[in-house]
Amino acid sequence: MTPEGVKPGYEYVHTVTDYYDGPRKGIANYQGRSHLYECVFDEIKDNYSELFSLAPVDSETFQLAMEDWTIWQRWELAYHSGKTELDTHPALPHESARHAELRITGHLGQSLGD
């Protein structure tokens, strides 16, 4: 589904970089603008809450995140078609250096509180 096809009242999720019983971290739109989202962990309940922290993402960071997401999508396709092994996750061997670079330069691997 494209952003144009999103039903009224919903926002488009661009990436899911952490998943545990549902999306926990990634980039999604909020009020039409891209934001890093991260599910708030409830220390008292020792479980994820239903709240998410949001931080606006500039266009450069968004582009880096989408490049990294594309790298992961290529890995996932290769993995599920038997062309790579799980130990290469989350990037194909020839893209692992670029993936690491994107995580550092784009701060995509950090939490909102970092």
Protein backbone atom coordinates (compact mmCIF):
# COMPACT_ATOMS: atom_id res chain seq x y z
CA MET A 1 0.00 0.00 0.00
CA THR A 2 1.30 3.44 -0.88
CA PRO A 3 1.02 6.52 1.37
CA GLU A 4 -1.71 7.78 -0.97
CA GLY A 5 -3.76 4.64 -0.28
CA VAL A 6 -3.80 5.02 3.51
CA LYS A 7 -7.30 5.27 4.95
CA PRO A 8 -8.26 8.52 6.70
CA GLY A 9 -7.16 8.54 10.34
CA TYR A 10 -4.23 6.19 9.68
CA GLU A 11 -0.57 7.00 9.01
CA TYR A 12 1.95 5.26 6.77
CA VAL A 13 4.65 3.09 8.37
CA HIS A 14 7.85 3.27 6.31
CA THR A 15 10.09 0.92 8.32
CA VAL A 16 9.95 -1.54 11.20
CA THR A 17 13.45 -1.93 12.61
CA ASP A 18 12.44 -3.59 15.87
CA TYR A 19 9.55 -6.03 16.27
CA TYR A 20 8.36 -7.92 19.32
CA ASP A 21 4.67 -8.86 19.38
CA GLY A 22 4.18 -5.88 17.07
CA PRO A 23 6.19 -2.99 15.66
CA ARG A 24 8.41 -1.42 18.32
CA LYS A 25 10.70 0.93 16.41
CA GLY A 26 11.06 2.43 12.95
CA ILE A 27 9.95 5.36 10.87
CA ALA A 28 6.33 6.29 10.27
CA ASN A 29 4.35 9.34 9.39
CA TYR A 30 2.60 11.37 12.06
CA GLN A 31 0.42 14.23 10.88
CA GLY A 32 1.89 13.71 7.41
CA ARG A 33 5.56 14.06 8.45
CA SER A 34 8.15 11.33 8.94
CA HIS A 35 9.03 10.49 12.54
CA LEU A 36 11.16 7.94 14.33
CA TYR A 37 8.79 5.97 16.54
CA GLU A 38 9.73 3.83 19.50
CA CYS A 39 7.44 1.89 21.77
CA VAL A 40 7.73 2.92 25.41
CA PHE A 41 8.76 0.07 27.70
CA ASP A 42 6.84 0.01 30.99
CA GLU A 43 9.44 -0.83 33.65
CA ILE A 44 6.79 -1.42 36.33
CA LYS A 45 4.85 -3.94 34.23
CA ASP A 46 8.10 -5.25 32.70
CA ASN A 47 6.46 -5.14 29.31
CA TYR A 48 5.91 -2.84 26.36
CA SER A 49 3.18 -0.25 26.76
CA GLU A 50 0.78 0.96 24.10
CA LEU A 51 2.55 4.35 24.02
CA PHE A 52 5.11 5.44 21.45
CA SER A 53 7.72 8.19 21.59
CA LEU A 54 8.01 10.22 18.40
CA ALA A 55 10.82 12.38 17.05
CA PRO A 56 10.70 14.22 13.71
CA VAL A 57 13.10 12.94 11.07
CA ASP A 58 14.77 15.30 8.60
CA SER A 59 14.79 14.41 4.91
CA GLU A 60 18.45 13.33 4.89
CA THR A 61 17.93 10.91 7.79
CA PHE A 62 14.75 9.65 6.14
CA GLN A 63 16.64 8.90 2.92
CA LEU A 64 19.37 7.06 4.85
CA ALA A 65 16.72 5.04 6.69
CA MET A 66 15.01 4.11 3.45
CA GLU A 67 18.33 3.03 1.91
CA ASP A 68 18.98 0.83 4.94
CA TRP A 69 15.43 -0.54 4.78
CA THR A 70 15.98 -1.47 1.12
CA ILE A 71 19.19 -3.29 2.09
CA TRP A 72 17.23 -5.28 4.67
CA GLN A 73 14.43 -6.03 2.19
CA ARG A 74 16.97 -7.47 -0.26
CA TRP A 75 18.38 -9.63 2.58
CA GLU A 76 14.91 -10.84 3.54
CA LEU A 77 14.08 -11.79 -0.05
CA ALA A 78 17.40 -13.63 -0.43
CA TYR A 79 16.94 -15.41 2.92
CA HIS A 80 13.40 -16.61 2.19
CA SER A 81 14.42 -17.77 -1.29
CA GLY A 82 17.34 -19.79 0.15
CA LYS A 83 20.08 -17.58 -1.32
CA THR A 84 21.63 -16.56 2.02
CA GLU A 85 21.83 -17.84 5.58
CA LEU A 86 20.47 -16.38 8.81
CA ASP A 87 23.98 -15.58 10.04
CA THR A 88 24.23 -12.83 7.39
CA HIS A 89 21.26 -10.94 8.91
CA PRO A 90 20.42 -8.06 8.46
CA ALA A 91 22.34 -7.41 5.22
CA LEU A 92 23.76 -9.45 2.40
CA PRO A 93 27.54 -9.85 2.74
CA HIS A 94 28.31 -7.39 -0.07
CA GLU A 95 26.08 -4.76 1.63
CA SER A 96 27.02 -5.30 5.28
CA ALA A 97 29.62 -2.49 5.32
CA ARG A 98 27.12 0.00 3.88
CA HIS A 99 24.49 -1.16 6.37
CA ALA A 100 26.91 -0.55 9.26
CA GLU A 101 27.81 2.87 7.85
CA LEU A 102 24.15 3.84 7.57
CA ARG A 103 23.49 2.79 11.16
CA ILE A 104 26.32 5.03 12.37
CA THR A 105 25.87 8.07 10.12
CA GLY A 106 22.09 8.08 10.32
CA HIS A 107 21.85 7.27 14.05
CA LEU A 108 19.21 4.75 13.00
CA GLY A 109 20.26 2.16 15.52
CA GLN A 110 19.91 4.45 18.51
CA SER A 111 16.95 4.82 20.81
CA LEU A 112 15.12 8.10 21.11
CA GLY A 113 16.51 8.49 24.61
CA ASP A 114 20.15 8.02 23.48
